[in-house]
């Protein structure tokens, strides 16, 4: 299983709007594709300050090929929408991880 995580940092005054956009716009659209599953939006508590907020947005998928297909079909457009909404006030980086079984 592949876990796709994007960590976002933004000014604290944008955090509420970001959470609303993720829940009302992004997650429903990602779910429609059926390529990513088990969405999780998490507030990052380490390295917090009063001026900014950090979030992790995670999805699971079967393979990096499926993730690439989702990104080219939908992810690029969603990222563009996010940048239009928040401009340079939001910064993000993505990590692709593979679950390691104990078997």
C-alpha atoms as a PDB file:
ATOM      1  CA  UNK A   1       0.000   0.000   0.000  1.00  0.00           C
ATOM      2  CA  UNK A   2       1.144   3.531  -0.807  1.00  0.00           C
ATOM      3  CA  UNK A   3       0.450   6.479   1.513  1.00  0.00           C
ATOM      4  CA  UNK A   4       0.458   9.895  -0.127  1.00  0.00           C
ATOM      5  CA  UNK A   5       0.994  12.696   2.395  1.00  0.00           C
ATOM      6  CA  UNK A   6       1.093  16.422   1.747  1.00  0.00           C
ATOM      7  CA  UNK A   7       2.151  18.734   4.558  1.00  0.00           C
ATOM      8  CA  UNK A   8       0.831  22.296   4.345  1.00  0.00           C
ATOM      9  CA  UNK A   9       1.889  25.395   6.269  1.00  0.00           C
ATOM     10  CA  UNK A  10      -0.106  28.627   6.231  1.00  0.00           C
ATOM     11  CA  UNK A  11      -0.809  31.717   8.301  1.00  0.00           C
ATOM     12  CA  UNK A  12      -3.135  30.950  11.207  1.00  0.00           C
ATOM     13  CA  UNK A  13      -5.811  33.279   9.808  1.00  0.00           C
ATOM     14  CA  UNK A  14      -6.086  31.086   6.656  1.00  0.00           C
ATOM     15  CA  UNK A  15      -6.367  27.750   8.499  1.00  0.00           C
ATOM     16  CA  UNK A  16     -10.163  27.760   8.883  1.00  0.00           C
ATOM     17  CA  UNK A  17     -10.709  28.515   5.187  1.00  0.00           C
ATOM     18  CA  UNK A  18      -8.228  25.786   4.239  1.00  0.00           C
ATOM     19  CA  UNK A  19     -10.018  23.168   6.373  1.00  0.00           C
ATOM     20  CA  UNK A  20     -13.386  24.189   4.906  1.00  0.00           C
ATOM     21  CA  UNK A  21     -12.028  23.961   1.339  1.00  0.00           C
ATOM     22  CA  UNK A  22     -10.505  20.532   1.975  1.00  0.00           C
ATOM     23  CA  UNK A  23     -13.712  19.107   3.471  1.00  0.00           C
ATOM     24  CA  UNK A  24     -16.264  20.770   1.184  1.00  0.00           C
ATOM     25  CA  UNK A  25     -14.419  20.821  -2.128  1.00  0.00           C
ATOM     26  CA  UNK A  26     -11.292  18.699  -2.317  1.00  0.00           C
ATOM     27  CA  UNK A  27     -12.256  15.506  -0.477  1.00  0.00           C
ATOM     28  CA  UNK A  28     -15.588  15.006  -2.271  1.00  0.00           C
ATOM     29  CA  UNK A  29     -13.888  15.428  -5.639  1.00  0.00           C
ATOM     30  CA  UNK A  30     -11.011  13.095  -4.759  1.00  0.00           C
ATOM     31  CA  UNK A  31     -13.517  10.471  -3.575  1.00  0.00           C
ATOM     32  CA  UNK A  32     -15.308  10.630  -6.944  1.00  0.00           C
ATOM     33  CA  UNK A  33     -12.199   9.410  -8.761  1.00  0.00           C
ATOM     34  CA  UNK A  34     -12.018   6.212  -6.709  1.00  0.00           C
ATOM     35  CA  UNK A  35      -8.226   6.191  -7.099  1.00  0.00           C
ATOM     36  CA  UNK A  36      -7.357   7.429  -3.597  1.00  0.00           C
ATOM     37  CA  UNK A  37      -9.017   6.232  -0.400  1.00  0.00           C
ATOM     38  CA  UNK A  38      -8.966   6.651   3.394  1.00  0.00           C
ATOM     39  CA  UNK A  39      -8.509  10.437   3.435  1.00  0.00           C
ATOM     40  CA  UNK A  40      -7.177  11.949   6.664  1.00  0.00           C
ATOM     41  CA  UNK A  41      -6.685  15.619   7.462  1.00  0.00           C
ATOM     42  CA  UNK A  42      -4.469  16.051  10.509  1.00  0.00           C
ATOM     43  CA  UNK A  43      -3.334  19.119  12.416  1.00  0.00           C
ATOM     44  CA  UNK A  44       0.407  18.964  13.059  1.00  0.00           C
ATOM     45  CA  UNK A  45       1.098  19.814  16.686  1.00  0.00           C
ATOM     46  CA  UNK A  46       4.892  19.814  16.714  1.00  0.00           C
ATOM     47  CA  UNK A  47       6.716  23.035  15.865  1.00  0.00           C
ATOM     48  CA  UNK A  48       3.587  25.146  16.321  1.00  0.00           C
ATOM     49  CA  UNK A  49       3.657  28.873  16.716  1.00  0.00           C
ATOM     50  CA  UNK A  50       0.874  31.414  17.108  1.00  0.00           C
ATOM     51  CA  UNK A  51       1.272  32.821  13.608  1.00  0.00           C
ATOM     52  CA  UNK A  52       0.977  29.671  11.509  1.00  0.00           C
ATOM     53  CA  UNK A  53      -0.828  26.348  11.263  1.00  0.00           C
ATOM     54  CA  UNK A  54       0.391  23.086   9.747  1.00  0.00           C
ATOM     55  CA  UNK A  55      -1.710  20.224   8.407  1.00  0.00           C
ATOM     56  CA  UNK A  56      -1.034  16.806   6.951  1.00  0.00           C
ATOM     57  CA  UNK A  57      -3.402  15.501   4.285  1.00  0.00           C
ATOM     58  CA  UNK A  58      -3.080  11.755   3.661  1.00  0.00           C
ATOM     59  CA  UNK A  59      -4.550   9.261   1.242  1.00  0.00           C
ATOM     60  CA  UNK A  60      -3.942   5.588   0.555  1.00  0.00           C
ATOM     61  CA  UNK A  61      -3.678   3.982  -2.864  1.00  0.00           C
ATOM     62  CA  UNK A  62      -2.629   0.673  -4.367  1.00  0.00           C
ATOM     63  CA  UNK A  63       0.469   1.749  -6.290  1.00  0.00           C
ATOM     64  CA  UNK A  64       2.600   4.659  -7.418  1.00  0.00           C
ATOM     65  CA  UNK A  65       1.165   4.133 -10.915  1.00  0.00           C
ATOM     66  CA  UNK A  66      -2.355   4.706  -9.551  1.00  0.00           C
ATOM     67  CA  UNK A  67      -1.143   7.771  -7.668  1.00  0.00           C
ATOM     68  CA  UNK A  68       0.453   9.141 -10.843  1.00  0.00           C
ATOM     69  CA  UNK A  69      -2.776   8.553 -12.781  1.00  0.00           C
ATOM     70  CA  UNK A  70      -4.764  10.412 -10.106  1.00  0.00           C
ATOM     71  CA  UNK A  71      -2.289  13.286 -10.079  1.00  0.00           C
ATOM     72  CA  UNK A  72      -2.382  13.781 -13.843  1.00  0.00           C
ATOM     73  CA  UNK A  73      -6.170  13.385 -14.021  1.00  0.00           C
ATOM     74  CA  UNK A  74      -7.119  15.435 -10.959  1.00  0.00           C
ATOM     75  CA  UNK A  75      -4.285  16.348  -8.597  1.00  0.00           C
ATOM     76  CA  UNK A  76      -2.670  19.028 -10.745  1.00  0.00           C
ATOM     77  CA  UNK A  77      -5.983  20.843 -11.161  1.00  0.00           C
ATOM     78  CA  UNK A  78      -6.748  20.684  -7.426  1.00  0.00           C
ATOM     79  CA  UNK A  79      -3.281  22.011  -6.620  1.00  0.00           C
ATOM     80  CA  UNK A  80      -3.856  24.877  -9.055  1.00  0.00           C
ATOM     81  CA  UNK A  81      -7.168  25.696  -7.380  1.00  0.00           C
ATOM     82  CA  UNK A  82      -5.508  25.662  -3.955  1.00  0.00           C
ATOM     83  CA  UNK A  83      -2.821  28.070  -5.159  1.00  0.00           C
ATOM     84  CA  UNK A  84      -5.433  30.392  -6.694  1.00  0.00           C
ATOM     85  CA  UNK A  85      -7.351  30.469  -3.407  1.00  0.00           C
ATOM     86  CA  UNK A  86      -4.405  30.939  -1.058  1.00  0.00           C
ATOM     87  CA  UNK A  87      -1.750  32.375  -3.388  1.00  0.00           C
ATOM     88  CA  UNK A  88       1.684  32.482  -1.764  1.00  0.00           C
ATOM     89  CA  UNK A  89       0.246  32.216   1.745  1.00  0.00           C
ATOM     90  CA  UNK A  90       0.317  28.416   1.654  1.00  0.00           C
ATOM     91  CA  UNK A  91       3.320  26.163   1.210  1.00  0.00           C
ATOM     92  CA  UNK A  92       3.198  22.412   0.821  1.00  0.00           C
ATOM     93  CA  UNK A  93       5.414  19.437   0.152  1.00  0.00           C
ATOM     94  CA  UNK A  94       4.424  15.880  -0.631  1.00  0.00           C
ATOM     95  CA  UNK A  95       5.836  12.572   0.524  1.00  0.00           C
ATOM     96  CA  UNK A  96       5.092   9.187  -0.998  1.00  0.00           C
ATOM     97  CA  UNK A  97       5.488   6.341   1.489  1.00  0.00           C
ATOM     98  CA  UNK A  98       5.156   2.584   1.241  1.00  0.00           C
ATOM     99  CA  UNK A  99       3.695   0.565   4.085  1.00  0.00           C
ATOM    100  CA  UNK A 100       6.077  -2.126   5.326  1.00  0.00           C
ATOM    101  CA  UNK A 101       4.434  -5.305   6.485  1.00  0.00           C
ATOM    102  CA  UNK A 102       5.764  -7.165   9.514  1.00  0.00           C
ATOM    103  CA  UNK A 103       5.260 -10.510   7.750  1.00  0.00           C
END
